[in-house]
Amino acid sequence: MKYLWITLLAVLLVLGGFIWYKYYFVFGEGVKSGVLNYAVKKGNIFKTYEGKLIQEGFGRGKTGALTSYEFEFSIENEEVFKQLEMNSGKTFDLHYKEYHGVLPWRGNTTYLVDKVVNMK
């Protein structure tokens, strides 16, 4: 009986560690810059804030060809969402956190924008 409790406790600890690592451990963070394409509130059960930033740069396609990169993200709070929503089409520097997994009440992506660093 004692070994059963020890095994159960070990399994719960490993499972808890996995869940924390997958959904709550910040894997990376940084700043992305680009033109805000959209900021929306959407969802069937959990209404979350989502957005897309268009980043321009030189790609590997044709020599000197200008390509665009899309950065899709979820937005952490309503204040940041309102600032983005009211300024669609402007250039933003957005600070984000990257997670390993997606939680439905946190957003649809592993990238979570938590603040606006700069807006032009």
PDB file of N, CA and C in Angstrom:
ATOM      1  N   MET A   1       0.816  -1.192   0.000  1.00  0.00           N
ATOM      2  CA  MET A   1       0.000   0.000   0.000  1.00  0.00           C
ATOM      3  C   MET A   1       0.861   1.257   0.000  1.00  0.00           C
ATOM      4  N   LYS A   2       1.956   1.209   0.737  1.00  0.00           N
ATOM      5  CA  LYS A   2       2.859   2.355   0.813  1.00  0.00           C
ATOM      6  C   LYS A   2       3.455   2.667  -0.561  1.00  0.00           C
ATOM      7  N   TYR A   3       3.817   1.634  -1.306  1.00  0.00           N
ATOM      8  CA  TYR A   3       4.414   1.818  -2.637  1.00  0.00           C
ATOM      9  C   TYR A   3       3.404   2.390  -3.628  1.00  0.00           C
ATOM     10  N   LEU A   4       2.152   2.054  -3.450  1.00  0.00           N
ATOM     11  CA  LEU A   4       1.100   2.588  -4.305  1.00  0.00           C
ATOM     12  C   LEU A   4       1.001   4.111  -4.135  1.00  0.00           C
ATOM     13  N   TRP A   5       1.028   4.590  -2.886  1.00  0.00           N
ATOM     14  CA  TRP A   5       0.966   6.030  -2.616  1.00  0.00           C
ATOM     15  C   TRP A   5       2.199   6.758  -3.139  1.00  0.00           C
ATOM     16  N   ILE A   6       3.357   6.151  -2.985  1.00  0.00           N
ATOM     17  CA  ILE A   6       4.601   6.763  -3.493  1.00  0.00           C
ATOM     18  C   ILE A   6       4.559   6.848  -5.010  1.00  0.00           C
ATOM     19  N   THR A   7       4.103   5.784  -5.652  1.00  0.00           N
ATOM     20  CA  THR A   7       3.989   5.770  -7.117  1.00  0.00           C
ATOM     21  C   THR A   7       2.975   6.807  -7.589  1.00  0.00           C
ATOM     22  N   LEU A   8       1.835   6.880  -6.921  1.00  0.00           N
ATOM     23  CA  LEU A   8       0.808   7.855  -7.271  1.00  0.00           C
ATOM     24  C   LEU A   8       1.322   9.281  -7.108  1.00  0.00           C
ATOM     25  N   LEU A   9       2.032   9.544  -6.023  1.00  0.00           N
ATOM     26  CA  LEU A   9       2.611  10.863  -5.796  1.00  0.00           C
ATOM     27  C   LEU A   9       3.648  11.208  -6.865  1.00  0.00           C
ATOM     28  N   ALA A  10       4.481  10.240  -7.233  1.00  0.00           N
ATOM     29  CA  ALA A  10       5.491  10.468  -8.270  1.00  0.00           C
ATOM     30  C   ALA A  10       4.834  10.768  -9.619  1.00  0.00           C
ATOM     31  N   VAL A  11       3.778  10.036  -9.953  1.00  0.00           N
ATOM     32  CA  VAL A  11       3.074  10.256 -11.222  1.00  0.00           C
ATOM     33  C   VAL A  11       2.431  11.650 -11.227  1.00  0.00           C
ATOM     34  N   LEU A  12       1.826  12.042 -10.111  1.00  0.00           N
ATOM     35  CA  LEU A  12       1.209  13.366 -10.027  1.00  0.00           C
ATOM     36  C   LEU A  12       2.253  14.478 -10.134  1.00  0.00           C
ATOM     37  N   LEU A  13       3.402  14.298  -9.517  1.00  0.00           N
ATOM     38  CA  LEU A  13       4.471  15.289  -9.616  1.00  0.00           C
ATOM     39  C   LEU A  13       4.985  15.420 -11.043  1.00  0.00           C
ATOM     40  N   VAL A  14       5.189  14.301 -11.716  1.00  0.00           N
ATOM     41  CA  VAL A  14       5.662  14.322 -13.111  1.00  0.00           C
ATOM     42  C   VAL A  14       4.606  14.956 -14.012  1.00  0.00           C
ATOM     43  N   LEU A  15       3.350  14.596 -13.817  1.00  0.00           N
ATOM     44  CA  LEU A  15       2.269  15.166 -14.614  1.00  0.00           C
ATOM     45  C   LEU A  15       2.139  16.668 -14.367  1.00  0.00           C
ATOM     46  N   GLY A  16       2.227  17.083 -13.105  1.00  0.00           N
ATOM     47  CA  GLY A  16       2.176  18.503 -12.780  1.00  0.00           C
ATOM     48  C   GLY A  16       3.342  19.267 -13.391  1.00  0.00           C
ATOM     49  N   GLY A  17       4.530  18.688 -13.351  1.00  0.00           N
ATOM     50  CA  GLY A  17       5.706  19.310 -13.967  1.00  0.00           C
ATOM     51  C   GLY A  17       5.555  19.443 -15.469  1.00  0.00           C
ATOM     52  N   PHE A  18       5.009  18.410 -16.112  1.00  0.00           N
ATOM     53  CA  PHE A  18       4.789  18.453 -17.557  1.00  0.00           C
ATOM     54  C   PHE A  18       3.790  19.548 -17.925  1.00  0.00           C
ATOM     55  N   ILE A  19       2.689  19.627 -17.188  1.00  0.00           N
ATOM     56  CA  ILE A  19       1.669  20.649 -17.474  1.00  0.00           C
ATOM     57  C   ILE A  19       2.243  22.038 -17.284  1.00  0.00           C
ATOM     58  N   TRP A  20       3.000  22.244 -16.217  1.00  0.00           N
ATOM     59  CA  TRP A  20       3.623  23.556 -15.984  1.00  0.00           C
ATOM     60  C   TRP A  20       4.577  23.897 -17.132  1.00  0.00           C
ATOM     61  N   TYR A  21       5.428  22.943 -17.531  1.00  0.00           N
ATOM     62  CA  TYR A  21       6.404  23.192 -18.598  1.00  0.00           C
ATOM     63  C   TYR A  21       5.715  23.461 -19.934  1.00  0.00           C
ATOM     64  N   LYS A  22       4.685  22.713 -20.238  1.00  0.00           N
ATOM     65  CA  LYS A  22       3.998  22.831 -21.528  1.00  0.00           C
ATOM     66  C   LYS A  22       3.175  24.116 -21.642  1.00  0.00           C
ATOM     67  N   TYR A  23       2.495  24.524 -20.565  1.00  0.00           N
ATOM     68  CA  TYR A  23       1.527  25.614 -20.671  1.00  0.00           C
ATOM     69  C   TYR A  23       1.862  26.895 -19.906  1.00  0.00           C
ATOM     70  N   TYR A  24       2.786  26.838 -18.949  1.00  0.00           N
ATOM     71  CA  TYR A  24       3.052  28.020 -18.133  1.00  0.00           C
ATOM     72  C   TYR A  24       4.506  28.482 -18.142  1.00  0.00           C
ATOM     73  N   PHE A  25       5.426  27.656 -18.590  1.00  0.00           N
ATOM     74  CA  PHE A  25       6.832  28.020 -18.676  1.00  0.00           C
ATOM     75  C   PHE A  25       7.048  28.925 -19.892  1.00  0.00           C
ATOM     76  N   VAL A  26       7.639  30.099 -19.662  1.00  0.00           N
ATOM     77  CA  VAL A  26       7.899  31.027 -20.764  1.00  0.00           C
ATOM     78  C   VAL A  26       9.158  30.539 -21.488  1.00  0.00           C
ATOM     79  N   PHE A  27       8.958  30.024 -22.695  1.00  0.00           N
ATOM     80  CA  PHE A  27      10.029  29.456 -23.505  1.00  0.00           C
ATOM     81  C   PHE A  27      10.933  30.546 -24.072  1.00  0.00           C
ATOM     82  N   GLY A  28      10.339  31.654 -24.470  1.00  0.00           N
ATOM     83  CA  GLY A  28      11.114  32.751 -25.038  1.00  0.00           C
ATOM     84  C   GLY A  28      10.318  34.038 -24.954  1.00  0.00           C
ATOM     85  N   GLU A  29      11.030  35.147 -25.032  1.00  0.00           N
ATOM     86  CA  GLU A  29      10.354  36.442 -25.085  1.00  0.00           C
ATOM     87  C   GLU A  29      11.207  37.412 -25.865  1.00  0.00           C
ATOM     88  N   GLY A  30      10.546  38.420 -26.421  1.00  0.00           N
ATOM     89  CA  GLY A  30      11.260  39.381 -27.242  1.00  0.00           C
ATOM     90  C   GLY A  30      10.329  40.438 -27.784  1.00  0.00           C
ATOM     91  N   VAL A  31      10.810  41.134 -28.813  1.00  0.00           N
ATOM     92  CA  VAL A  31      10.039  42.207 -29.441  1.00  0.00           C
ATOM     93  C   VAL A  31       9.982  41.942 -30.934  1.00  0.00           C
ATOM     94  N   LYS A  32       8.790  42.064 -31.490  1.00  0.00           N
ATOM     95  CA  LYS A  32       8.596  41.963 -32.941  1.00  0.00           C
ATOM     96  C   LYS A  32       8.068  43.294 -33.433  1.00  0.00           C
ATOM     97  N   SER A  33       8.518  43.703 -34.616  1.00  0.00           N
ATOM     98  CA  SER A  33       8.099  44.965 -35.208  1.00  0.00           C
ATOM     99  C   SER A  33       7.430  44.728 -36.549  1.00  0.00           C
ATOM    100  N   GLY A  34       6.447  45.555 -36.849  1.00  0.00           N
ATOM    101  CA  GLY A  34       5.779  45.451 -38.131  1.00  0.00           C
ATOM    102  C   GLY A  34       4.502  46.263 -38.143  1.00  0.00           C
ATOM    103  N   VAL A  35       3.801  46.162 -39.252  1.00  0.00           N
ATOM    104  CA  VAL A  35       2.540  46.888 -39.441  1.00  0.00           C
ATOM    105  C   VAL A  35       1.404  45.991 -38.948  1.00  0.00           C
ATOM    106  N   LEU A  36       0.546  46.545 -38.103  1.00  0.00           N
ATOM    107  CA  LEU A  36      -0.571  45.783 -37.573  1.00  0.00           C
ATOM    108  C   LEU A  36      -1.620  45.571 -38.664  1.00  0.00           C
ATOM    109  N   ASN A  37      -1.899  44.318 -38.964  1.00  0.00           N
ATOM    110  CA  ASN A  37      -2.894  43.966 -39.961  1.00  0.00           C
ATOM    111  C   ASN A  37      -4.286  43.972 -39.344  1.00  0.00           C
ATOM    112  N   TYR A  38      -4.436  43.308 -38.195  1.00  0.00           N
ATOM    113  CA  TYR A  38      -5.723  43.316 -37.514  1.00  0.00           C
ATOM    114  C   TYR A  38      -5.565  42.984 -36.032  1.00  0.00           C
ATOM    115  N   ALA A  39      -6.571  43.380 -35.262  1.00  0.00           N
ATOM    116  CA  ALA A  39      -6.729  43.006 -33.862  1.00  0.00           C
ATOM    117  C   ALA A  39      -8.214  42.714 -33.665  1.00  0.00           C
ATOM    118  N   VAL A  40      -8.538  41.490 -33.246  1.00  0.00           N
ATOM    119  CA  VAL A  40      -9.938  41.068 -33.124  1.00  0.00           C
ATOM    120  C   VAL A  40     -10.170  40.334 -31.807  1.00  0.00           C
ATOM    121  N   LYS A  41     -11.436  40.344 -31.400  1.00  0.00           N
ATOM    122  CA  LYS A  41     -11.869  39.532 -30.263  1.00  0.00           C
ATOM    123  C   LYS A  41     -12.732  38.427 -30.840  1.00  0.00           C
ATOM    124  N   LYS A  42     -12.363  37.163 -30.586  1.00  0.00           N
ATOM    125  CA  LYS A  42     -13.130  36.080 -31.186  1.00  0.00           C
ATOM    126  C   LYS A  42     -13.040  34.818 -30.338  1.00  0.00           C
ATOM    127  N   GLY A  43     -13.914  33.878 -30.641  1.00  0.00           N
ATOM    128  CA  GLY A  43     -13.925  32.590 -29.968  1.00  0.00           C
ATOM    129  C   GLY A  43     -15.336  32.087 -29.771  1.00  0.00           C
ATOM    130  N   ASN A  44     -15.496  30.766 -29.774  1.00  0.00           N
ATOM    131  CA  ASN A  44     -16.812  30.163 -29.574  1.00  0.00           C
ATOM    132  C   ASN A  44     -17.190  30.115 -28.096  1.00  0.00           C
ATOM    133  N   ILE A  45     -16.297  29.615 -27.279  1.00  0.00           N
ATOM    134  CA  ILE A  45     -16.561  29.510 -25.842  1.00  0.00           C
ATOM    135  C   ILE A  45     -15.756  30.557 -25.091  1.00  0.00           C
ATOM    136  N   PHE A  46     -14.452  30.572 -25.312  1.00  0.00           N
ATOM    137  CA  PHE A  46     -13.576  31.545 -24.680  1.00  0.00           C
ATOM    138  C   PHE A  46     -13.290  32.673 -25.667  1.00  0.00           C
ATOM    139  N   LYS A  47     -13.726  33.875 -25.362  1.00  0.00           N
ATOM    140  CA  LYS A  47     -13.458  35.035 -26.220  1.00  0.00           C
ATOM    141  C   LYS A  47     -12.049  35.531 -25.907  1.00  0.00           C
ATOM    142  N   THR A  48     -11.187  35.463 -26.905  1.00  0.00           N
ATOM    143  CA  THR A  48      -9.798  35.890 -26.728  1.00  0.00           C
ATOM    144  C   THR A  48      -9.468  36.983 -27.733  1.00  0.00           C
ATOM    145  N   TYR A  49      -8.413  37.717 -27.440  1.00  0.00           N
ATOM    146  CA  TYR A  49      -7.950  38.786 -28.317  1.00  0.00           C
ATOM    147  C   TYR A  49      -6.826  38.246 -29.190  1.00  0.00           C
ATOM    148  N   GLU A  50      -6.959  38.428 -30.500  1.00  0.00           N
ATOM    149  CA  GLU A  50      -5.973  37.922 -31.458  1.00  0.00           C
ATOM    150  C   GLU A  50      -5.532  39.052 -32.375  1.00  0.00           C
ATOM    151  N   GLY A  51      -4.340  38.923 -32.941  1.00  0.00           N
ATOM    152  CA  GLY A  51      -3.847  39.931 -33.865  1.00  0.00           C
ATOM    153  C   GLY A  51      -2.836  39.370 -34.838  1.00  0.00           C
ATOM    154  N   LYS A  52      -2.538  40.174 -35.847  1.00  0.00           N
ATOM    155  CA  LYS A  52      -1.535  39.786 -36.841  1.00  0.00           C
ATOM    156  C   LYS A  52      -0.694  40.999 -37.196  1.00  0.00           C
ATOM    157  N   LEU A  53       0.612  40.795 -37.208  1.00  0.00           N
ATOM    158  CA  LEU A  53       1.579  41.824 -37.557  1.00  0.00           C
ATOM    159  C   LEU A  53       2.244  41.403 -38.861  1.00  0.00           C
ATOM    160  N   ILE A  54       2.380  42.320 -39.809  1.00  0.00           N
ATOM    161  CA  ILE A  54       3.062  42.035 -41.067  1.00  0.00           C
ATOM    162  C   ILE A  54       4.466  42.639 -40.973  1.00  0.00           C
ATOM    163  N   GLN A  55       5.467  41.758 -41.067  1.00  0.00           N
ATOM    164  CA  GLN A  55       6.857  42.201 -41.005  1.00  0.00           C
ATOM    165  C   GLN A  55       7.433  42.169 -42.410  1.00  0.00           C
ATOM    166  N   GLU A  56       8.139  43.227 -42.783  1.00  0.00           N
ATOM    167  CA  GLU A  56       8.762  43.262 -44.099  1.00  0.00           C
ATOM    168  C   GLU A  56      10.245  42.980 -43.966  1.00  0.00           C
ATOM    169  N   GLY A  57      10.800  42.394 -45.020  1.00  0.00           N
ATOM    170  CA  GLY A  57      12.224  42.100 -45.020  1.00  0.00           C
ATOM    171  C   GLY A  57      12.634  41.500 -46.340  1.00  0.00           C
ATOM    172  N   PHE A  58      13.909  41.278 -46.478  1.00  0.00           N
ATOM    173  CA  PHE A  58      14.425  40.670 -47.693  1.00  0.00           C
ATOM    174  C   PHE A  58      14.408  39.168 -47.529  1.00  0.00           C
ATOM    175  N   GLY A  59      13.776  38.492 -48.480  1.00  0.00           N
ATOM    176  CA  GLY A  59      13.632  37.041 -48.391  1.00  0.00           C
ATOM    177  C   GLY A  59      14.694  36.311 -49.187  1.00  0.00           C
ATOM    178  N   ARG A  60      14.560  35.004 -49.212  1.00  0.00           N
ATOM    179  CA  ARG A  60      15.520  34.166 -49.915  1.00  0.00           C
ATOM    180  C   ARG A  60      15.067  33.858 -51.342  1.00  0.00           C
ATOM    181  N   GLY A  61      13.921  34.385 -51.709  1.00  0.00           N
ATOM    182  CA  GLY A  61      13.387  34.124 -53.053  1.00  0.00           C
ATOM    183  C   GLY A  61      14.289  34.703 -54.118  1.00  0.00           C
ATOM    184  N   LYS A  62      13.782  35.625 -54.877  1.00  0.00           N
ATOM    185  CA  LYS A  62      14.553  36.278 -55.922  1.00  0.00           C
ATOM    186  C   LYS A  62      15.538  37.252 -55.288  1.00  0.00           C
ATOM    187  N   THR A  63      16.618  37.481 -55.944  1.00  0.00           N
ATOM    188  CA  THR A  63      17.630  38.392 -55.422  1.00  0.00           C
ATOM    189  C   THR A  63      17.046  39.786 -55.286  1.00  0.00           C
ATOM    190  N   GLY A  64      17.115  40.335 -54.078  1.00  0.00           N
ATOM    191  CA  GLY A  64      16.600  41.668 -53.823  1.00  0.00           C
ATOM    192  C   GLY A  64      15.094  41.748 -53.705  1.00  0.00           C
ATOM    193  N   ALA A  65      14.425  40.602 -53.727  1.00  0.00           N
ATOM    194  CA  ALA A  65      12.960  40.620 -53.644  1.00  0.00           C
ATOM    195  C   ALA A  65      12.520  40.931 -52.218  1.00  0.00           C
ATOM    196  N   LEU A  66      11.506  41.755 -52.096  1.00  0.00           N
ATOM    197  CA  LEU A  66      10.952  42.101 -50.802  1.00  0.00           C
ATOM    198  C   LEU A  66       9.828  41.117 -50.478  1.00  0.00           C
ATOM    199  N   THR A  67       9.927  40.459 -49.343  1.00  0.00           N
ATOM    200  CA  THR A  67       8.896  39.501 -48.935  1.00  0.00           C
ATOM    201  C   THR A  67       8.290  39.967 -47.621  1.00  0.00           C
ATOM    202  N   SER A  68       7.152  39.400 -47.263  1.00  0.00           N
ATOM    203  CA  SER A  68       6.549  39.763 -45.986  1.00  0.00           C
ATOM    204  C   SER A  68       6.424  38.521 -45.111  1.00  0.00           C
ATOM    205  N   TYR A  69       6.527  38.731 -43.824  1.00  0.00           N
ATOM    206  CA  TYR A  69       6.393  37.675 -42.837  1.00  0.00           C
ATOM    207  C   TYR A  69       5.229  38.043 -41.934  1.00  0.00           C
ATOM    208  N   GLU A  70       4.431  37.061 -41.591  1.00  0.00           N
ATOM    209  CA  GLU A  70       3.283  37.300 -40.730  1.00  0.00           C
ATOM    210  C   GLU A  70       3.576  36.784 -39.335  1.00  0.00           C
ATOM    211  N   PHE A  71       3.244  37.571 -38.342  1.00  0.00           N
ATOM    212  CA  PHE A  71       3.385  37.190 -36.946  1.00  0.00           C
ATOM    213  C   PHE A  71       1.990  37.218 -36.323  1.00  0.00           C
ATOM    214  N   GLU A  72       1.414  36.031 -36.125  1.00  0.00           N
ATOM    215  CA  GLU A  72       0.097  35.931 -35.506  1.00  0.00           C
ATOM    216  C   GLU A  72       0.286  35.731 -34.019  1.00  0.00           C
ATOM    217  N   PHE A  73      -0.529  36.439 -33.230  1.00  0.00           N
ATOM    218  CA  PHE A  73      -0.337  36.424 -31.789  1.00  0.00           C
ATOM    219  C   PHE A  73      -1.660  36.566 -31.064  1.00  0.00           C
ATOM    220  N   SER A  74      -1.646  36.214 -29.798  1.00  0.00           N
ATOM    221  CA  SER A  74      -2.765  36.463 -28.896  1.00  0.00           C
ATOM    222  C   SER A  74      -2.385  37.646 -28.022  1.00  0.00           C
ATOM    223  N   ILE A  75      -3.399  38.330 -27.496  1.00  0.00           N
ATOM    224  CA  ILE A  75      -3.157  39.535 -26.703  1.00  0.00           C
ATOM    225  C   ILE A  75      -3.582  39.260 -25.272  1.00  0.00           C
ATOM    226  N   GLU A  76      -2.698  39.613 -24.336  1.00  0.00           N
ATOM    227  CA  GLU A  76      -2.905  39.255 -22.934  1.00  0.00           C
ATOM    228  C   GLU A  76      -4.054  40.001 -22.256  1.00  0.00           C
ATOM    229  N   ASN A  77      -4.169  41.303 -22.467  1.00  0.00           N
ATOM    230  CA  ASN A  77      -5.204  42.032 -21.740  1.00  0.00           C
ATOM    231  C   ASN A  77      -5.952  43.019 -22.636  1.00  0.00           C
ATOM    232  N   GLU A  78      -7.078  43.481 -22.118  1.00  0.00           N
ATOM    233  CA  GLU A  78      -7.980  44.321 -22.898  1.00  0.00           C
ATOM    234  C   GLU A  78      -7.386  45.698 -23.211  1.00  0.00           C
ATOM    235  N   GLU A  79      -6.577  46.255 -22.309  1.00  0.00           N
ATOM    236  CA  GLU A  79      -5.987  47.576 -22.553  1.00  0.00           C
ATOM    237  C   GLU A  79      -5.053  47.562 -23.764  1.00  0.00           C
ATOM    238  N   VAL A  80      -4.230  46.522 -23.865  1.00  0.00           N
ATOM    239  CA  VAL A  80      -3.337  46.396 -25.021  1.00  0.00           C
ATOM    240  C   VAL A  80      -4.167  46.180 -26.281  1.00  0.00           C
ATOM    241  N   PHE A  81      -5.209  45.350 -26.183  1.00  0.00           N
ATOM    242  CA  PHE A  81      -6.088  45.110 -27.329  1.00  0.00           C
ATOM    243  C   PHE A  81      -6.710  46.406 -27.823  1.00  0.00           C
ATOM    244  N   LYS A  82      -7.243  47.226 -26.916  1.00  0.00           N
ATOM    245  CA  LYS A  82      -7.895  48.487 -27.308  1.00  0.00           C
ATOM    246  C   LYS A  82      -6.910  49.419 -28.021  1.00  0.00           C
ATOM    247  N   GLN A  83      -5.675  49.480 -27.523  1.00  0.00           N
ATOM    248  CA  GLN A  83      -4.657  50.324 -28.165  1.00  0.00           C
ATOM    249  C   GLN A  83      -4.365  49.829 -29.578  1.00  0.00           C
ATOM    250  N   LEU A  84      -4.265  48.521 -29.754  1.00  0.00           N
ATOM    251  CA  LEU A  84      -4.017  47.957 -31.087  1.00  0.00           C
ATOM    252  C   LEU A  84      -5.231  48.142 -31.993  1.00  0.00           C
ATOM    253  N   GLU A  85      -6.419  47.876 -31.463  1.00  0.00           N
ATOM    254  CA  GLU A  85      -7.648  47.963 -32.250  1.00  0.00           C
ATOM    255  C   GLU A  85      -7.859  49.373 -32.808  1.00  0.00           C
ATOM    256  N   MET A  86      -7.550  50.383 -32.032  1.00  0.00           N
ATOM    257  CA  MET A  86      -7.769  51.776 -32.449  1.00  0.00           C
ATOM    258  C   MET A  86      -6.689  52.282 -33.411  1.00  0.00           C
ATOM    259  N   ASN A  87      -5.614  51.528 -33.604  1.00  0.00           N
ATOM    260  CA  ASN A  87      -4.502  51.995 -34.422  1.00  0.00           C
ATOM    261  C   ASN A  87      -4.085  50.983 -35.486  1.00  0.00           C
ATOM    262  N   SER A  88      -5.026  50.256 -36.032  1.00  0.00           N
ATOM    263  CA  SER A  88      -4.733  49.274 -37.075  1.00  0.00           C
ATOM    264  C   SER A  88      -4.092  49.969 -38.275  1.00  0.00           C
ATOM    265  N   GLY A  89      -3.080  49.343 -38.845  1.00  0.00           N
ATOM    266  CA  GLY A  89      -2.381  49.908 -39.995  1.00  0.00           C
ATOM    267  C   GLY A  89      -1.119  50.669 -39.622  1.00  0.00           C
ATOM    268  N   LYS A  90      -0.927  50.929 -38.338  1.00  0.00           N
ATOM    269  CA  LYS A  90       0.284  51.622 -37.892  1.00  0.00           C
ATOM    270  C   LYS A  90       1.392  50.617 -37.604  1.00  0.00           C
ATOM    271  N   THR A  91       2.606  51.122 -37.475  1.00  0.00           N
ATOM    272  CA  THR A  91       3.757  50.277 -37.179  1.00  0.00           C
ATOM    273  C   THR A  91       3.927  50.164 -35.667  1.00  0.00           C
ATOM    274  N   PHE A  92       4.072  48.946 -35.197  1.00  0.00           N
ATOM    275  CA  PHE A  92       4.192  48.676 -33.768  1.00  0.00           C
ATOM    276  C   PHE A  92       5.456  47.884 -33.460  1.00  0.00           C
ATOM    277  N   ASP A  93       5.981  48.081 -32.271  1.00  0.00           N
ATOM    278  CA  ASP A  93       6.973  47.196 -31.657  1.00  0.00           C
ATOM    279  C   ASP A  93       6.242  46.551 -30.491  1.00  0.00           C
ATOM    280  N   LEU A  94       6.033  45.233 -30.551  1.00  0.00           N
ATOM    281  CA  LEU A  94       5.254  44.520 -29.552  1.00  0.00           C
ATOM    282  C   LEU A  94       6.128  43.559 -28.762  1.00  0.00           C
ATOM    283  N   HIS A  95       6.031  43.633 -27.436  1.00  0.00           N
ATOM    284  CA  HIS A  95       6.743  42.680 -26.574  1.00  0.00           C
ATOM    285  C   HIS A  95       5.861  41.446 -26.419  1.00  0.00           C
ATOM    286  N   TYR A  96       6.459  40.250 -26.563  1.00  0.00           N
ATOM    287  CA  TYR A  96       5.694  39.015 -26.491  1.00  0.00           C
ATOM    288  C   TYR A  96       6.408  37.968 -25.645  1.00  0.00           C
ATOM    289  N   LYS A  97       5.619  36.999 -25.201  1.00  0.00           N
ATOM    290  CA  LYS A  97       6.135  35.808 -24.524  1.00  0.00           C
ATOM    291  C   LYS A  97       5.721  34.608 -25.366  1.00  0.00           C
ATOM    292  N   GLU A  98       6.602  33.626 -25.441  1.00  0.00           N
ATOM    293  CA  GLU A  98       6.302  32.413 -26.209  1.00  0.00           C
ATOM    294  C   GLU A  98       6.212  31.222 -25.254  1.00  0.00           C
ATOM    295  N   TYR A  99       5.148  30.455 -25.412  1.00  0.00           N
ATOM    296  CA  TYR A  99       4.919  29.254 -24.605  1.00  0.00           C
ATOM    297  C   TYR A  99       4.999  28.022 -25.499  1.00  0.00           C
ATOM    298  N   HIS A 100       5.142  26.853 -24.893  1.00  0.00           N
ATOM    299  CA  HIS A 100       5.177  25.604 -25.657  1.00  0.00           C
ATOM    300  C   HIS A 100       3.790  25.165 -26.106  1.00  0.00           C
ATOM    301  N   GLY A 101       2.758  25.485 -25.323  1.00  0.00           N
ATOM    302  CA  GLY A 101       1.418  25.022 -25.630  1.00  0.00           C
ATOM    303  C   GLY A 101       0.392  26.139 -25.585  1.00  0.00           C
ATOM    304  N   VAL A 102      -0.794  25.842 -26.109  1.00  0.00           N
ATOM    305  CA  VAL A 102      -1.881  26.814 -26.195  1.00  0.00           C
ATOM    306  C   VAL A 102      -2.965  26.421 -25.197  1.00  0.00           C
ATOM    307  N   LEU A 103      -3.424  27.404 -24.412  1.00  0.00           N
ATOM    308  CA  LEU A 103      -4.581  27.215 -23.538  1.00  0.00           C
ATOM    309  C   LEU A 103      -5.748  27.981 -24.141  1.00  0.00           C
ATOM    310  N   PRO A 104      -6.939  27.374 -24.222  1.00  0.00           N
ATOM    311  CA  PRO A 104      -8.050  28.010 -24.932  1.00  0.00           C
ATOM    312  C   PRO A 104      -8.474  29.358 -24.352  1.00  0.00           C
ATOM    313  N   TRP A 105      -8.321  29.583 -23.072  1.00  0.00           N
ATOM    314  CA  TRP A 105      -8.717  30.869 -22.473  1.00  0.00           C
ATOM    315  C   TRP A 105      -7.619  31.909 -22.578  1.00  0.00           C
ATOM    316  N   ARG A 106      -6.422  31.504 -23.028  1.00  0.00           N
ATOM    317  CA  ARG A 106      -5.312  32.435 -23.173  1.00  0.00           C
ATOM    318  C   ARG A 106      -5.172  32.935 -24.608  1.00  0.00           C
ATOM    319  N   GLY A 107      -5.659  32.164 -25.572  1.00  0.00           N
ATOM    320  CA  GLY A 107      -5.578  32.575 -26.970  1.00  0.00           C
ATOM    321  C   GLY A 107      -5.376  31.398 -27.893  1.00  0.00           C
ATOM    322  N   ASN A 108      -5.276  31.705 -29.191  1.00  0.00           N
ATOM    323  CA  ASN A 108      -5.152  30.655 -30.212  1.00  0.00           C
ATOM    324  C   ASN A 108      -3.721  30.377 -30.632  1.00  0.00           C
ATOM    325  N   THR A 109      -2.762  31.125 -30.118  1.00  0.00           N
ATOM    326  CA  THR A 109      -1.375  30.948 -30.534  1.00  0.00           C
ATOM    327  C   THR A 109      -0.476  30.754 -29.321  1.00  0.00           C
ATOM    328  N   THR A 110       0.750  30.340 -29.582  1.00  0.00           N
ATOM    329  CA  THR A 110       1.728  30.185 -28.504  1.00  0.00           C
ATOM    330  C   THR A 110       2.417  31.509 -28.185  1.00  0.00           C
ATOM    331  N   TYR A 111       2.159  32.534 -28.996  1.00  0.00           N
ATOM    332  CA  TYR A 111       2.740  33.862 -28.765  1.00  0.00           C
ATOM    333  C   TYR A 111       1.713  34.743 -28.071  1.00  0.00           C
ATOM    334  N   LEU A 112       2.106  35.357 -26.956  1.00  0.00           N
ATOM    335  CA  LEU A 112       1.198  36.182 -26.164  1.00  0.00           C
ATOM    336  C   LEU A 112       1.805  37.571 -25.999  1.00  0.00           C
ATOM    337  N   VAL A 113       1.190  38.561 -26.650  1.00  0.00           N
ATOM    338  CA  VAL A 113       1.667  39.946 -26.553  1.00  0.00           C
ATOM    339  C   VAL A 113       1.181  40.529 -25.233  1.00  0.00           C
ATOM    340  N   ASP A 114       2.122  41.090 -24.462  1.00  0.00           N
ATOM    341  CA  ASP A 114       1.755  41.633 -23.156  1.00  0.00           C
ATOM    342  C   ASP A 114       1.886  43.148 -23.065  1.00  0.00           C
ATOM    343  N   LYS A 115       2.591  43.774 -24.026  1.00  0.00           N
ATOM    344  CA  LYS A 115       2.658  45.237 -23.998  1.00  0.00           C
ATOM    345  C   LYS A 115       3.126  45.800 -25.337  1.00  0.00           C
ATOM    346  N   VAL A 116       2.756  47.062 -25.551  1.00  0.00           N
ATOM    347  CA  VAL A 116       3.199  47.805 -26.733  1.00  0.00           C
ATOM    348  C   VAL A 116       4.445  48.574 -26.322  1.00  0.00           C
ATOM    349  N   VAL A 117       5.550  48.309 -27.002  1.00  0.00           N
ATOM    350  CA  VAL A 117       6.810  49.001 -26.685  1.00  0.00           C
ATOM    351  C   VAL A 117       6.854  50.343 -27.379  1.00  0.00           C
ATOM    352  N   ASN A 118       6.424  50.376 -28.654  1.00  0.00           N
ATOM    353  CA  ASN A 118       6.477  51.603 -29.437  1.00  0.00           C
ATOM    354  C   ASN A 118       5.414  51.557 -30.529  1.00  0.00           C
ATOM    355  N   MET A 119       4.913  52.732 -30.909  1.00  0.00           N
ATOM    356  CA  MET A 119       3.932  52.830 -31.990  1.00  0.00           C
ATOM    357  C   MET A 119       4.292  54.029 -32.857  1.00  0.00           C
ATOM    358  N   LYS A 120       4.290  53.835 -34.181  1.00  0.00           N
ATOM    359  CA  LYS A 120       4.617  54.918 -35.116  1.00  0.00           C
ATOM    360  C   LYS A 120       3.466  55.121 -36.085  1.00  0.00           C
TER     361      LYS A 120
END
